[in-house]
Protein backbone atom coordinates (compact mmCIF):
# COMPACT_ATOMS: atom_id res chain seq x y z
CA MET A 1 44.72 11.96 -16.64
CA GLU A 2 43.77 15.63 -18.44
CA LEU A 3 43.45 18.07 -15.25
CA ILE A 4 41.08 20.54 -16.24
CA ALA A 5 41.16 23.30 -13.14
CA ILE A 6 42.42 23.79 -9.55
CA SER A 7 39.56 24.79 -8.38
CA LEU A 8 41.21 25.39 -4.63
CA ALA A 9 45.11 25.53 -3.37
CA ARG A 10 45.60 26.18 0.21
CA ILE A 11 47.97 25.95 2.84
CA VAL A 12 47.40 27.04 6.93
CA ALA A 13 50.52 28.14 8.61
CA PHE A 14 50.10 28.04 12.41
CA LEU A 15 52.25 31.06 13.93
CA GLU A 16 50.86 33.67 16.37
CA ILE A 17 49.14 36.39 14.95
CA GLN A 18 50.35 38.73 17.58
CA ALA A 19 53.83 38.30 16.81
CA PHE A 20 53.19 40.37 14.23
CA ASP A 21 53.14 43.29 15.81
CA PRO A 22 55.08 42.20 19.88
CA ARG A 23 54.62 45.32 21.21
CA GLY A 24 51.37 46.81 20.01
CA ARG A 25 53.14 49.62 18.41
CA THR A 26 50.43 49.56 15.59
CA SER A 27 46.83 49.58 16.05
CA THR A 28 44.86 46.93 14.61
CA PRO A 29 42.98 48.93 11.46
CA LYS A 30 46.16 50.17 10.87
CA GLY A 31 47.88 46.94 10.26
CA LEU A 32 44.74 45.35 8.48
CA LYS A 33 45.04 48.18 5.99
CA ARG A 34 49.11 47.60 5.27
CA ILE A 35 48.12 43.98 4.86
CA SER A 36 45.07 45.12 2.10
CA GLU A 37 47.60 47.66 0.42
CA ARG A 38 50.27 45.15 -0.09
CA TYR A 39 48.30 42.71 -1.80
CA SER A 40 45.41 45.05 -3.49
CA PHE A 41 42.62 43.37 -1.61
CA THR A 42 39.45 44.56 -3.31
CA LYS A 43 37.81 43.27 -0.01
CA SER A 44 39.09 43.68 3.39
CA PRO A 45 38.27 44.22 6.76
CA GLN A 46 36.71 47.58 7.58
CA ALA A 47 33.70 47.59 10.66
CA PHE A 48 35.01 46.50 14.20
CA GLU A 49 33.09 43.55 14.46
CA GLU A 50 35.68 42.32 11.23
CA PHE A 51 38.64 42.44 13.45
CA ASN A 52 37.84 39.01 14.85
CA PHE A 53 40.93 36.64 15.24
CA GLU A 54 39.03 33.82 16.52
CA LYS A 55 36.97 33.61 14.08
CA GLY A 56 38.81 34.77 11.50
CA VAL A 57 39.74 38.20 9.47
CA GLU A 58 39.36 37.62 5.63
CA PHE A 59 40.20 39.83 2.64
CA PHE A 60 39.67 38.92 -0.57
CA VAL A 61 40.61 38.95 -3.99
CA GLY A 62 44.10 39.75 -4.12
CA LYS A 63 47.37 39.85 -5.78
CA PHE A 64 50.87 39.39 -5.67
CA GLY A 65 53.22 39.23 -8.46
CA GLU A 66 51.54 36.83 -11.22
CA ILE A 67 49.86 35.21 -8.47
CA ASN A 68 46.12 35.55 -7.55
CA ILE A 69 45.06 35.61 -4.08
CA ASP A 70 41.44 34.60 -3.60
CA LYS A 71 41.92 34.68 0.20
CA LEU A 72 43.89 35.69 3.11
CA THR A 73 42.50 34.66 6.63
CA LEU A 74 44.46 35.74 9.85
CA TYR A 75 43.57 33.75 13.18
CA THR A 76 45.03 34.21 16.39
CA ASP A 77 47.31 31.07 16.08
CA GLY A 78 47.58 31.16 12.05
CA ILE A 79 47.24 32.20 8.14
CA ALA A 80 45.45 30.60 5.57
CA ILE A 81 45.99 31.42 2.56
CA ASP A 82 43.57 30.49 -1.12
CA THR A 83 44.68 30.39 -4.68
CA ARG A 84 43.37 28.58 -7.56
CA SER A 85 47.18 27.68 -8.81
CA SER A 86 48.80 26.02 -6.53
CA THR A 87 50.17 25.79 -2.64
CA ASP A 88 53.45 26.35 -3.82
CA ASP A 89 51.85 30.13 -4.67
CA CYS A 90 50.37 29.78 -1.12
CA GLU A 91 53.67 29.48 0.12
CA ALA A 92 55.17 32.47 -1.50
CA VAL A 93 52.40 35.15 -0.65
CA LEU A 94 53.43 33.62 2.80
CA ALA A 95 56.60 34.17 2.99
CA ASP A 96 56.41 37.72 1.55
CA LEU A 97 54.12 38.64 4.41
CA LEU A 98 56.93 37.15 6.41
CA GLY A 99 59.31 38.75 5.08
CA ALA A 100 57.59 42.15 5.51
CA VAL A 101 57.03 41.49 8.89
CA HIS A 102 60.62 40.96 9.32
CA GLU A 103 61.62 44.38 7.80
CA GLU A 104 59.53 46.22 9.93
CA GLN A 105 59.59 44.36 13.20
CA GLY A 106 62.97 42.67 12.80
CA ILE A 107 61.38 39.22 13.81
CA ALA A 108 61.85 36.28 11.83
CA LEU A 109 58.54 34.25 12.11
CA GLN A 110 58.68 30.37 11.36
CA PRO A 111 55.16 28.42 11.29
CA SER A 112 55.42 25.82 14.19
CA ARG A 113 52.96 23.23 12.04
CA TRP A 114 51.54 23.35 8.38
CA MET A 115 48.15 21.78 6.59
CA HIS A 116 47.32 21.55 3.12
CA LEU A 117 44.16 21.72 0.73
CA SER A 118 44.49 20.51 -2.93
CA ASN A 119 41.13 20.49 -4.94
CA LEU A 120 41.39 19.45 -8.76
CA ILE A 121 39.40 18.77 -11.50
CA PHE A 122 40.45 16.27 -14.34
CA ARG A 123 39.43 13.78 -16.75
CA SER A 124 40.76 10.64 -16.74
CA GLU A 125 39.36 7.55 -18.93
CA VAL A 126 40.04 4.71 -16.43
CA LYS A 127 37.20 3.69 -14.09
CA LEU A 128 37.24 3.78 -11.15
CA ALA A 129 35.29 0.52 -10.39
CA SER A 130 38.66 -1.01 -11.86
CA MET A 131 40.07 -1.57 -8.84
CA HIS A 132 38.39 -4.23 -8.44
CA GLN A 133 36.17 -6.96 -10.53
CA ALA A 134 33.61 -7.21 -7.55
CA LEU A 135 33.11 -3.56 -7.39
CA GLN A 136 31.79 -3.54 -10.50
CA ALA A 137 29.17 -6.31 -10.56
CA ILE A 138 28.37 -4.59 -7.09
CA ALA A 139 27.59 -1.36 -9.58
CA ASN A 140 25.97 -3.01 -11.58
CA ARG A 141 23.88 -4.93 -9.40
CA VAL A 142 22.81 -1.76 -7.23
CA ALA A 143 22.14 0.04 -10.81
CA LEU A 144 20.05 -3.27 -11.99
CA ALA A 145 17.69 -3.07 -8.52
CA VAL A 146 17.20 0.79 -8.73
CA SER A 147 16.83 1.09 -12.97
CA LYS A 148 13.97 -1.43 -12.03
CA ASP A 149 12.70 0.63 -9.61
CA PHE A 150 12.72 3.81 -10.92
CA ARG A 151 11.68 2.45 -14.81
CA GLN A 152 14.88 4.28 -16.41
CA ASP A 153 18.31 3.39 -16.74
CA VAL A 154 20.37 4.44 -13.74
CA HIS A 155 23.89 3.80 -13.47
CA PHE A 156 26.11 3.66 -10.79
CA ASP A 157 29.89 4.05 -10.06
CA LEU A 158 32.46 3.97 -7.44
CA ASN A 159 33.71 7.12 -5.25
CA VAL A 160 36.75 6.49 -3.70
CA PHE A 161 37.23 8.05 -0.04
CA TRP A 162 40.75 7.45 2.10
CA GLY A 163 40.51 9.33 5.97
CA ALA A 164 42.75 9.59 8.49
CA ASP A 165 42.40 8.70 12.16
CA VAL A 166 41.02 11.66 13.43
CA SER A 167 40.53 10.02 16.96
CA THR A 168 43.83 11.01 18.95
CA LEU A 169 44.61 14.06 16.59
CA SER A 170 44.54 17.90 17.56
CA LEU A 171 44.62 19.13 13.86
CA LYS A 172 42.32 16.88 11.84
CA PRO A 173 43.47 16.63 8.14
CA SER A 174 40.85 16.53 5.29
CA PRO A 175 40.36 12.98 4.17
CA PHE A 176 41.79 11.96 -0.01
CA SER A 177 39.06 11.62 -2.21
CA ILE A 178 38.27 10.72 -5.90
CA GLU A 179 34.66 11.41 -7.11
CA HIS A 180 32.86 11.81 -10.08
CA ARG A 181 32.21 15.78 -10.89
CA VAL A 182 28.92 16.49 -9.75
CA ASN A 183 25.99 17.44 -12.35
CA VAL A 184 28.53 15.91 -14.74
CA PRO A 185 27.44 12.50 -16.50
CA PHE A 186 29.62 9.30 -16.21
CA ALA A 187 30.54 8.87 -19.61
CA GLU A 188 32.60 12.48 -20.05
CA ASN A 189 34.82 10.81 -17.40
CA THR A 190 35.51 14.18 -15.08
CA TYR A 191 36.64 13.90 -11.63
CA PHE A 192 37.28 16.11 -8.86
CA SER A 193 40.07 15.26 -5.77
CA ALA A 194 40.53 16.69 -2.77
CA ALA A 195 43.56 15.96 -0.57
CA PRO A 196 45.12 16.91 2.67
CA LEU A 197 48.99 17.74 -0.36
CA ARG A 198 50.86 20.03 -1.89
CA THR A 199 49.53 20.94 -5.81
CA THR A 200 52.52 18.92 -7.22
CA GLU A 201 52.27 16.18 -4.51
CA HIS A 202 48.35 15.58 -5.37
CA ARG A 203 48.85 15.73 -9.21
CA GLU A 204 51.43 13.15 -9.00
CA LEU A 205 49.67 11.05 -6.82
CA LEU A 206 46.53 10.88 -8.94
CA GLN A 207 49.10 10.38 -11.80
CA GLN A 208 50.04 7.08 -9.79
CA PHE A 209 46.66 6.08 -8.90
CA GLU A 210 45.43 6.34 -12.65
CA ALA A 211 48.79 4.14 -14.20
CA ALA A 212 47.98 1.77 -11.23
CA LEU A 213 44.79 0.91 -12.51
CA ARG A 214 45.34 1.10 -16.27
CA THR A 215 47.54 -2.39 -15.23
């Protein structure tokens, strides 16, 4: 497996945002300004209507050391952090932010729950339909019928999705998927995968999946 790009690494940490300032000593604009300055965000909330924590208060394009932050969003009950490097980097940003709160307010905040999302673009010579010969046979049959109707060659291949049973869950994880990269010819063997996992776990799982298909 050849990793081409990490298109998204995200963590969502669930905690009470009001705990950042439990006694209300800092105004909302001043508190948000401190966050913006700490991470040098190029776009941060300015107008009153942007201070809606239910919808999400958003900061864009910031920096923490060598980590580039694509987006940081504050919600009433949590924080979402996006990078294009790794979920580990997202967690490092969160740890710094919570450390700053502890230093200023003397409160050690710990998320009650976590969600992770990792989107990877990669190249592999292994065909997804090789999971079972029946899958390739189905793809060939569909391709033959459609090619006849279209009067041009059309190729079908498999995309793979695993979804969680979310019927009883309050938090709903995203599905785990592996699919051909949109608008890229199948012959280039380029894939997109999304998973509710840490970036390192996602890469390891794709490598394990590829190795299983080779055997």
